[in-house]
Amino acid sequence: MRPTSLVAVLLLPLAVTGQAQTFDSAAQAYERLSARLRKERREYGEARAAITASAAYRAARERGDRAAVLRMLNTVPRPDELSMCRRAIEVAARFGGDDAVRLLGWAAVHAKNKELTVEVVDRVEAEHMSSPALTALLERADVIARHLGMERGPGFLQRVVDESPHDIVRAWALYWQSIAIKRRDPQAAEKLRQRAATFADGHWLADKIRAKQFKAERLQVGMVAPDIEGADADGVAFKLSDYRGKVVVLDFWGFW
């Protein structure tokens, strides 16, 4: 089989996109569109991996034929994230409510498109400034900031701070305000961070904000390690302090 035929066989599952989905709610749309995006990204990665493992690809790399390498890689269609995100905006407009805000946030984060991001922010400012689901957008404000730019981003964050009735939503806006000015005005940035931490008290954002101070005060060489409680592989409860006086290696890991 020629390399081009191999590519065609590998990509066949990706070429069939199916009929447009209909949704009974914004929450259902969020779950199904998220699952579809994960699936298409996984298949995209698998198809590219198959190409890079092929003899034809390796031969092109060895002879330095960049054009051939790019041709092979470009035969793999990327997930149509923009279309999925536009569909999310359509569904959000139909249903409304906090689930719709969550869906709008998902669209703005995954679209990687300035026009769509601005459209989402326009809709949020017009209809959803009091929604607690604004965290879906603000948790990833770093992603959308490049599309909003200085002409829009700072004003949007300030409106959230001024108008949201929800502490955690305001905390996220204050946090990103502090990030935006930390180089040119470290003192003002620190004040914003502290305000954000106060609003986020009890939420993991507060721990994130206070991490640097915690490290300086509690995690220096020679200090007693903060006590940690948990369960071992057999489900038996333990505390780090149980092992005081012994050599202990801590391995922190997780899934993201």
C-alpha atoms as a PDB file:
ATOM      1  CA  MET A   1       0.000   0.000   0.000  1.00  0.00           C
ATOM      2  CA  ARG A   2       1.372   3.441  -0.884  1.00  0.00           C
ATOM      3  CA  PRO A   3       1.862   5.967   1.978  1.00  0.00           C
ATOM      4  CA  THR A   4      -0.945   8.164   0.677  1.00  0.00           C
ATOM      5  CA  SER A   5      -3.328   5.187   0.834  1.00  0.00           C
ATOM      6  CA  LEU A   6      -2.257   4.501   4.394  1.00  0.00           C
ATOM      7  CA  VAL A   7      -3.064   8.099   5.328  1.00  0.00           C
ATOM      8  CA  ALA A   8      -6.480   7.867   3.669  1.00  0.00           C
ATOM      9  CA  VAL A   9      -7.344   4.726   5.643  1.00  0.00           C
ATOM     10  CA  LEU A  10      -6.173   6.289   8.897  1.00  0.00           C
ATOM     11  CA  LEU A  11      -8.213   9.425   8.355  1.00  0.00           C
ATOM     12  CA  LEU A  12     -11.468   7.815   7.298  1.00  0.00           C
ATOM     13  CA  PRO A  13     -12.990   7.914  10.807  1.00  0.00           C
ATOM     14  CA  LEU A  14     -12.134  11.608  11.031  1.00  0.00           C
ATOM     15  CA  ALA A  15     -13.678  12.539   7.722  1.00  0.00           C
ATOM     16  CA  VAL A  16     -17.194  11.515   8.735  1.00  0.00           C
ATOM     17  CA  THR A  17     -18.498  14.310  10.931  1.00  0.00           C
ATOM     18  CA  GLY A  18     -22.093  13.159  11.200  1.00  0.00           C
ATOM     19  CA  GLN A  19     -25.320  15.142  11.309  1.00  0.00           C
ATOM     20  CA  ALA A  20     -25.762  18.303  13.348  1.00  0.00           C
ATOM     21  CA  GLN A  21     -26.660  17.505  16.919  1.00  0.00           C
ATOM     22  CA  THR A  22     -29.773  18.767  18.629  1.00  0.00           C
ATOM     23  CA  PHE A  23     -29.826  19.356  22.361  1.00  0.00           C
ATOM     24  CA  ASP A  24     -32.520  19.368  25.012  1.00  0.00           C
ATOM     25  CA  SER A  25     -30.682  21.787  27.300  1.00  0.00           C
ATOM     26  CA  ALA A  26     -27.573  23.927  27.547  1.00  0.00           C
ATOM     27  CA  ALA A  27     -26.160  21.471  30.088  1.00  0.00           C
ATOM     28  CA  GLN A  28     -26.596  18.598  27.657  1.00  0.00           C
ATOM     29  CA  ALA A  29     -24.950  20.629  24.905  1.00  0.00           C
ATOM     30  CA  TYR A  30     -21.999  21.346  27.186  1.00  0.00           C
ATOM     31  CA  GLU A  31     -21.458  17.677  27.966  1.00  0.00           C
ATOM     32  CA  ARG A  32     -21.903  16.420  24.403  1.00  0.00           C
ATOM     33  CA  LEU A  33     -19.858  19.110  22.710  1.00  0.00           C
ATOM     34  CA  SER A  34     -17.097  18.670  25.289  1.00  0.00           C
ATOM     35  CA  ALA A  35     -17.103  14.913  24.665  1.00  0.00           C
ATOM     36  CA  ARG A  36     -17.044  15.431  20.920  1.00  0.00           C
ATOM     37  CA  LEU A  37     -14.108  17.828  21.145  1.00  0.00           C
ATOM     38  CA  ARG A  38     -12.155  15.413  23.351  1.00  0.00           C
ATOM     39  CA  LYS A  39     -12.860  12.575  20.908  1.00  0.00           C
ATOM     40  CA  GLU A  40     -11.812  14.549  17.837  1.00  0.00           C
ATOM     41  CA  ARG A  41      -8.640  15.768  19.533  1.00  0.00           C
ATOM     42  CA  ARG A  42      -7.773  12.216  20.550  1.00  0.00           C
ATOM     43  CA  GLU A  43      -8.348  10.909  17.022  1.00  0.00           C
ATOM     44  CA  TYR A  44      -6.334  13.780  15.592  1.00  0.00           C
ATOM     45  CA  GLY A  45      -3.420  12.927  17.849  1.00  0.00           C
ATOM     46  CA  GLU A  46      -3.656   9.226  17.006  1.00  0.00           C
ATOM     47  CA  ALA A  47      -3.721   9.903  13.248  1.00  0.00           C
ATOM     48  CA  ARG A  48      -0.683  12.172  13.423  1.00  0.00           C
ATOM     49  CA  ALA A  49       1.134   9.628  15.579  1.00  0.00           C
ATOM     50  CA  ALA A  50       0.465   6.937  12.976  1.00  0.00           C
ATOM     51  CA  ILE A  51       1.884   9.150  10.240  1.00  0.00           C
ATOM     52  CA  THR A  52       5.015  10.059  12.200  1.00  0.00           C
ATOM     53  CA  ALA A  53       5.591   6.341  12.848  1.00  0.00           C
ATOM     54  CA  SER A  54       5.367   5.480   9.130  1.00  0.00           C
ATOM     55  CA  ALA A  55       8.397   4.609   7.002  1.00  0.00           C
ATOM     56  CA  ALA A  56       7.532   7.342   4.496  1.00  0.00           C
ATOM     57  CA  TYR A  57       7.554  10.024   7.207  1.00  0.00           C
ATOM     58  CA  ARG A  58      10.824   8.805   8.678  1.00  0.00           C
ATOM     59  CA  ALA A  59      12.420   8.745   5.235  1.00  0.00           C
ATOM     60  CA  ALA A  60      11.306  12.314   4.553  1.00  0.00           C
ATOM     61  CA  ARG A  61      12.752  13.447   7.869  1.00  0.00           C
ATOM     62  CA  GLU A  62      16.044  11.681   7.218  1.00  0.00           C
ATOM     63  CA  ARG A  63      16.512  13.321   3.836  1.00  0.00           C
ATOM     64  CA  GLY A  64      15.475  16.714   5.230  1.00  0.00           C
ATOM     65  CA  ASP A  65      12.434  17.008   2.980  1.00  0.00           C
ATOM     66  CA  ARG A  66      10.432  19.484   5.055  1.00  0.00           C
ATOM     67  CA  ALA A  67       7.831  19.979   2.317  1.00  0.00           C
ATOM     68  CA  ALA A  68       7.043  16.259   2.236  1.00  0.00           C
ATOM     69  CA  VAL A  69       6.852  16.123   6.034  1.00  0.00           C
ATOM     70  CA  LEU A  70       4.371  18.998   6.109  1.00  0.00           C
ATOM     71  CA  ARG A  71       2.283  17.504   3.303  1.00  0.00           C
ATOM     72  CA  MET A  72       1.882  14.283   5.236  1.00  0.00           C
ATOM     73  CA  LEU A  73       1.039  16.024   8.503  1.00  0.00           C
ATOM     74  CA  ASN A  74      -1.379  18.396   6.797  1.00  0.00           C
ATOM     75  CA  THR A  75      -3.446  15.496   5.479  1.00  0.00           C
ATOM     76  CA  VAL A  76      -4.752  15.087   9.019  1.00  0.00           C
ATOM     77  CA  PRO A  77      -7.760  17.409   9.417  1.00  0.00           C
ATOM     78  CA  ARG A  78      -7.741  19.306  12.677  1.00  0.00           C
ATOM     79  CA  PRO A  79     -10.804  19.172  14.929  1.00  0.00           C
ATOM     80  CA  ASP A  80     -13.318  21.787  13.813  1.00  0.00           C
ATOM     81  CA  GLU A  81     -13.275  23.587  17.152  1.00  0.00           C
ATOM     82  CA  LEU A  82     -14.641  26.833  15.760  1.00  0.00           C
ATOM     83  CA  SER A  83     -17.791  25.209  14.359  1.00  0.00           C
ATOM     84  CA  MET A  84     -18.440  23.441  17.648  1.00  0.00           C
ATOM     85  CA  CYS A  85     -18.007  26.698  19.542  1.00  0.00           C
ATOM     86  CA  ARG A  86     -20.359  28.561  17.218  1.00  0.00           C
ATOM     87  CA  ARG A  87     -22.889  25.804  17.771  1.00  0.00           C
ATOM     88  CA  ALA A  88     -22.440  26.256  21.526  1.00  0.00           C
ATOM     89  CA  ILE A  89     -23.242  29.962  21.228  1.00  0.00           C
ATOM     90  CA  GLU A  90     -26.399  29.190  19.232  1.00  0.00           C
ATOM     91  CA  VAL A  91     -27.582  26.717  21.857  1.00  0.00           C
ATOM     92  CA  ALA A  92     -26.772  29.110  24.709  1.00  0.00           C
ATOM     93  CA  ALA A  93     -28.910  31.810  23.087  1.00  0.00           C
ATOM     94  CA  ARG A  94     -31.816  29.401  22.847  1.00  0.00           C
ATOM     95  CA  PHE A  95     -31.846  28.207  26.453  1.00  0.00           C
ATOM     96  CA  GLY A  96     -30.379  30.987  28.588  1.00  0.00           C
ATOM     97  CA  GLY A  97     -29.650  30.640  32.297  1.00  0.00           C
ATOM     98  CA  ASP A  98     -26.466  29.726  34.155  1.00  0.00           C
ATOM     99  CA  ASP A  99     -25.894  26.578  32.076  1.00  0.00           C
ATOM    100  CA  ALA A 100     -25.907  28.784  28.997  1.00  0.00           C
ATOM    101  CA  VAL A 101     -23.264  31.039  30.560  1.00  0.00           C
ATOM    102  CA  ARG A 102     -21.124  27.986  31.234  1.00  0.00           C
ATOM    103  CA  LEU A 103     -21.537  26.994  27.586  1.00  0.00           C
ATOM    104  CA  LEU A 104     -20.565  30.479  26.430  1.00  0.00           C
ATOM    105  CA  GLY A 105     -17.437  30.301  28.559  1.00  0.00           C
ATOM    106  CA  TRP A 106     -16.566  26.930  27.024  1.00  0.00           C
ATOM    107  CA  ALA A 107     -16.931  28.391  23.547  1.00  0.00           C
ATOM    108  CA  ALA A 108     -14.737  31.407  24.255  1.00  0.00           C
ATOM    109  CA  VAL A 109     -11.979  29.263  25.748  1.00  0.00           C
ATOM    110  CA  HIS A 110     -11.859  26.639  23.003  1.00  0.00           C
ATOM    111  CA  ALA A 111     -12.549  28.673  19.864  1.00  0.00           C
ATOM    112  CA  LYS A 112      -9.190  30.497  19.723  1.00  0.00           C
ATOM    113  CA  ASN A 113     -10.951  33.111  17.639  1.00  0.00           C
ATOM    114  CA  LYS A 114     -11.118  36.850  18.310  1.00  0.00           C
ATOM    115  CA  GLU A 115     -14.503  37.479  16.689  1.00  0.00           C
ATOM    116  CA  LEU A 116     -16.173  34.685  18.638  1.00  0.00           C
ATOM    117  CA  THR A 117     -14.540  35.688  21.921  1.00  0.00           C
ATOM    118  CA  VAL A 118     -15.738  39.274  21.535  1.00  0.00           C
ATOM    119  CA  GLU A 119     -19.231  37.992  20.682  1.00  0.00           C
ATOM    120  CA  VAL A 120     -19.301  35.936  23.878  1.00  0.00           C
ATOM    121  CA  VAL A 121     -18.155  38.866  26.024  1.00  0.00           C
ATOM    122  CA  ASP A 122     -20.733  41.134  24.376  1.00  0.00           C
ATOM    123  CA  ARG A 123     -23.476  38.684  25.270  1.00  0.00           C
ATOM    124  CA  VAL A 124     -22.210  38.211  28.804  1.00  0.00           C
ATOM    125  CA  GLU A 125     -22.074  41.958  29.422  1.00  0.00           C
ATOM    126  CA  ALA A 126     -25.556  42.428  27.996  1.00  0.00           C
ATOM    127  CA  GLU A 127     -27.303  39.519  29.708  1.00  0.00           C
ATOM    128  CA  HIS A 128     -25.286  37.602  32.284  1.00  0.00           C
ATOM    129  CA  MET A 129     -23.219  39.846  34.540  1.00  0.00           C
ATOM    130  CA  SER A 130     -24.994  38.561  37.657  1.00  0.00           C
ATOM    131  CA  SER A 131     -24.497  34.866  36.861  1.00  0.00           C
ATOM    132  CA  PRO A 132     -22.313  32.737  39.176  1.00  0.00           C
ATOM    133  CA  ALA A 133     -21.405  30.667  36.105  1.00  0.00           C
ATOM    134  CA  LEU A 134     -19.125  33.469  34.907  1.00  0.00           C
ATOM    135  CA  THR A 135     -16.347  31.479  36.563  1.00  0.00           C
ATOM    136  CA  ALA A 136     -16.396  29.243  33.443  1.00  0.00           C
ATOM    137  CA  LEU A 137     -15.126  32.220  31.484  1.00  0.00           C
ATOM    138  CA  LEU A 138     -12.968  33.875  34.122  1.00  0.00           C
ATOM    139  CA  GLU A 139     -11.057  30.782  35.214  1.00  0.00           C
ATOM    140  CA  ARG A 140      -9.436  30.818  31.763  1.00  0.00           C
ATOM    141  CA  ALA A 141      -9.268  34.544  31.225  1.00  0.00           C
ATOM    142  CA  ASP A 142      -5.622  34.051  30.263  1.00  0.00           C
ATOM    143  CA  VAL A 143      -6.811  32.279  27.114  1.00  0.00           C
ATOM    144  CA  ILE A 144      -9.313  34.917  26.032  1.00  0.00           C
ATOM    145  CA  ALA A 145      -7.218  37.953  27.011  1.00  0.00           C
ATOM    146  CA  ARG A 146      -5.186  37.898  23.807  1.00  0.00           C
ATOM    147  CA  HIS A 147      -8.381  38.253  21.789  1.00  0.00           C
ATOM    148  CA  LEU A 148      -9.940  40.961  23.933  1.00  0.00           C
ATOM    149  CA  GLY A 149      -6.759  43.021  24.048  1.00  0.00           C
ATOM    150  CA  MET A 150      -6.170  46.156  26.083  1.00  0.00           C
ATOM    151  CA  GLU A 151      -9.064  47.947  24.433  1.00  0.00           C
ATOM    152  CA  ARG A 152     -11.589  45.520  25.908  1.00  0.00           C
ATOM    153  CA  GLY A 153     -10.100  43.190  28.502  1.00  0.00           C
ATOM    154  CA  PRO A 154      -9.465  45.583  31.433  1.00  0.00           C
ATOM    155  CA  GLY A 155     -12.890  47.187  31.130  1.00  0.00           C
ATOM    156  CA  PHE A 156     -14.613  43.818  31.149  1.00  0.00           C
ATOM    157  CA  LEU A 157     -12.763  42.691  34.274  1.00  0.00           C
ATOM    158  CA  GLN A 158     -13.612  45.945  36.054  1.00  0.00           C
ATOM    159  CA  ARG A 159     -17.283  45.564  35.205  1.00  0.00           C
ATOM    160  CA  VAL A 160     -17.228  42.103  36.738  1.00  0.00           C
ATOM    161  CA  VAL A 161     -15.629  43.468  39.905  1.00  0.00           C
ATOM    162  CA  ASP A 162     -18.162  46.295  40.099  1.00  0.00           C
ATOM    163  CA  GLU A 163     -21.318  44.389  39.183  1.00  0.00           C
ATOM    164  CA  SER A 164     -21.062  40.715  40.128  1.00  0.00           C
ATOM    165  CA  PRO A 165     -22.837  39.777  43.366  1.00  0.00           C
ATOM    166  CA  HIS A 166     -20.697  36.615  43.707  1.00  0.00           C
ATOM    167  CA  ASP A 167     -17.459  36.675  45.677  1.00  0.00           C
ATOM    168  CA  ILE A 168     -15.659  33.986  43.687  1.00  0.00           C
ATOM    169  CA  VAL A 169     -16.520  35.657  40.366  1.00  0.00           C
ATOM    170  CA  ARG A 170     -15.151  38.963  41.650  1.00  0.00           C
ATOM    171  CA  ALA A 171     -12.103  37.133  43.017  1.00  0.00           C
ATOM    172  CA  TRP A 172     -11.233  35.774  39.577  1.00  0.00           C
ATOM    173  CA  ALA A 173     -11.579  39.201  37.981  1.00  0.00           C
ATOM    174  CA  LEU A 174      -9.362  40.789  40.640  1.00  0.00           C
ATOM    175  CA  TYR A 175      -6.795  38.018  40.252  1.00  0.00           C
ATOM    176  CA  TRP A 176      -6.488  38.578  36.498  1.00  0.00           C
ATOM    177  CA  GLN A 177      -6.320  42.330  37.026  1.00  0.00           C
ATOM    178  CA  SER A 178      -3.336  41.742  39.310  1.00  0.00           C
ATOM    179  CA  ILE A 179      -1.642  39.528  36.716  1.00  0.00           C
ATOM    180  CA  ALA A 180      -2.097  42.215  34.060  1.00  0.00           C
ATOM    181  CA  ILE A 181      -0.277  44.926  36.045  1.00  0.00           C
ATOM    182  CA  LYS A 182       2.232  42.970  38.137  1.00  0.00           C
ATOM    183  CA  ARG A 183       5.238  44.022  36.061  1.00  0.00           C
ATOM    184  CA  ARG A 184       4.523  47.712  35.813  1.00  0.00           C
ATOM    185  CA  ASP A 185       3.062  48.168  39.300  1.00  0.00           C
ATOM    186  CA  PRO A 186       3.938  45.303  41.674  1.00  0.00           C
ATOM    187  CA  GLN A 187       2.532  47.027  44.747  1.00  0.00           C
ATOM    188  CA  ALA A 188      -0.870  47.680  43.202  1.00  0.00           C
ATOM    189  CA  ALA A 189      -0.873  44.137  41.855  1.00  0.00           C
ATOM    190  CA  GLU A 190      -0.223  42.731  45.321  1.00  0.00           C
ATOM    191  CA  LYS A 191      -3.152  44.716  46.738  1.00  0.00           C
ATOM    192  CA  LEU A 192      -5.426  43.282  44.058  1.00  0.00           C
ATOM    193  CA  ARG A 193      -4.149  39.765  44.815  1.00  0.00           C
ATOM    194  CA  GLN A 194      -4.917  40.189  48.488  1.00  0.00           C
ATOM    195  CA  ARG A 195      -8.425  41.442  47.719  1.00  0.00           C
ATOM    196  CA  ALA A 196      -8.900  38.469  45.408  1.00  0.00           C
ATOM    197  CA  ALA A 197      -7.708  36.056  48.094  1.00  0.00           C
ATOM    198  CA  THR A 198     -10.174  37.554  50.581  1.00  0.00           C
ATOM    199  CA  PHE A 199     -13.091  37.106  48.174  1.00  0.00           C
ATOM    200  CA  ALA A 200     -11.913  33.581  47.313  1.00  0.00           C
ATOM    201  CA  ASP A 201     -11.463  32.435  50.904  1.00  0.00           C
ATOM    202  CA  GLY A 202     -12.290  28.715  51.132  1.00  0.00           C
ATOM    203  CA  HIS A 203     -11.828  28.195  47.370  1.00  0.00           C
ATOM    204  CA  TRP A 204      -8.732  26.725  45.719  1.00  0.00           C
ATOM    205  CA  LEU A 205      -8.100  30.094  44.062  1.00  0.00           C
ATOM    206  CA  ALA A 206      -7.236  31.513  47.484  1.00  0.00           C
ATOM    207  CA  ASP A 207      -4.649  28.752  47.944  1.00  0.00           C
ATOM    208  CA  LYS A 208      -3.231  29.530  44.502  1.00  0.00           C
ATOM    209  CA  ILE A 209      -2.920  33.220  45.319  1.00  0.00           C
ATOM    210  CA  ARG A 210      -1.321  32.595  48.710  1.00  0.00           C
ATOM    211  CA  ALA A 211       1.026  29.868  47.468  1.00  0.00           C
ATOM    212  CA  LYS A 212       4.070  32.146  47.156  1.00  0.00           C
ATOM    213  CA  GLN A 213       3.644  33.486  50.689  1.00  0.00           C
ATOM    214  CA  PHE A 214       3.017  29.971  52.014  1.00  0.00           C
ATOM    215  CA  LYS A 215       6.221  28.740  50.354  1.00  0.00           C
ATOM    216  CA  ALA A 216       8.239  31.604  51.858  1.00  0.00           C
ATOM    217  CA  GLU A 217       6.817  31.090  55.351  1.00  0.00           C
ATOM    218  CA  ARG A 218       6.439  27.301  55.541  1.00  0.00           C
ATOM    219  CA  LEU A 219       8.453  25.512  52.848  1.00  0.00           C
ATOM    220  CA  GLN A 220      12.032  26.655  53.294  1.00  0.00           C
ATOM    221  CA  VAL A 221      14.959  24.302  53.907  1.00  0.00           C
ATOM    222  CA  GLY A 222      15.214  23.458  57.610  1.00  0.00           C
ATOM    223  CA  MET A 223      11.573  24.226  58.424  1.00  0.00           C
ATOM    224  CA  VAL A 224       9.184  21.601  59.773  1.00  0.00           C
ATOM    225  CA  ALA A 225       7.051  20.386  56.867  1.00  0.00           C
ATOM    226  CA  PRO A 226       3.328  21.224  57.093  1.00  0.00           C
ATOM    227  CA  ASP A 227       1.358  18.255  58.336  1.00  0.00           C
ATOM    228  CA  ILE A 228      -0.460  16.275  55.660  1.00  0.00           C
ATOM    229  CA  GLU A 229      -3.358  13.904  56.257  1.00  0.00           C
ATOM    230  CA  GLY A 230      -4.575  11.238  53.876  1.00  0.00           C
ATOM    231  CA  ALA A 231      -5.049   7.527  53.286  1.00  0.00           C
ATOM    232  CA  ASP A 232      -2.490   5.027  52.066  1.00  0.00           C
ATOM    233  CA  ALA A 233      -2.926   2.499  49.233  1.00  0.00           C
ATOM    234  CA  ASP A 234      -4.853   0.223  51.608  1.00  0.00           C
ATOM    235  CA  GLY A 235      -7.188   2.974  52.738  1.00  0.00           C
ATOM    236  CA  VAL A 236      -5.571   3.368  56.150  1.00  0.00           C
ATOM    237  CA  ALA A 237      -5.560   6.946  57.432  1.00  0.00           C
ATOM    238  CA  PHE A 238      -2.213   8.523  58.203  1.00  0.00           C
ATOM    239  CA  LYS A 239      -0.539  11.852  58.933  1.00  0.00           C
ATOM    240  CA  LEU A 240       2.881  13.009  57.833  1.00  0.00           C
ATOM    241  CA  SER A 241       3.696  13.746  61.458  1.00  0.00           C
ATOM    242  CA  ASP A 242       3.324  10.021  62.188  1.00  0.00           C
ATOM    243  CA  TYR A 243       6.675   9.547  60.456  1.00  0.00           C
ATOM    244  CA  ARG A 244       8.583  12.275  62.295  1.00  0.00           C
ATOM    245  CA  GLY A 245      12.208  11.250  62.748  1.00  0.00           C
ATOM    246  CA  LYS A 246      12.171   8.981  59.684  1.00  0.00           C
ATOM    247  CA  VAL A 247      13.290   9.646  56.114  1.00  0.00           C
ATOM    248  CA  VAL A 248      10.195  10.356  54.017  1.00  0.00           C
ATOM    249  CA  VAL A 249       9.906  10.964  50.277  1.00  0.00           C
ATOM    250  CA  LEU A 250       6.751  12.825  49.179  1.00  0.00           C
ATOM    251  CA  ASP A 251       5.518  12.322  45.613  1.00  0.00           C
ATOM    252  CA  PHE A 252       2.713  14.730  44.626  1.00  0.00           C
ATOM    253  CA  TRP A 253       0.770  13.890  41.474  1.00  0.00           C
ATOM    254  CA  GLY A 254      -2.664  14.296  39.966  1.00  0.00           C
ATOM    255  CA  PHE A 255      -4.782  14.441  36.829  1.00  0.00           C
ATOM    256  CA  TRP A 256      -5.559  17.589  34.825  1.00  0.00           C
END
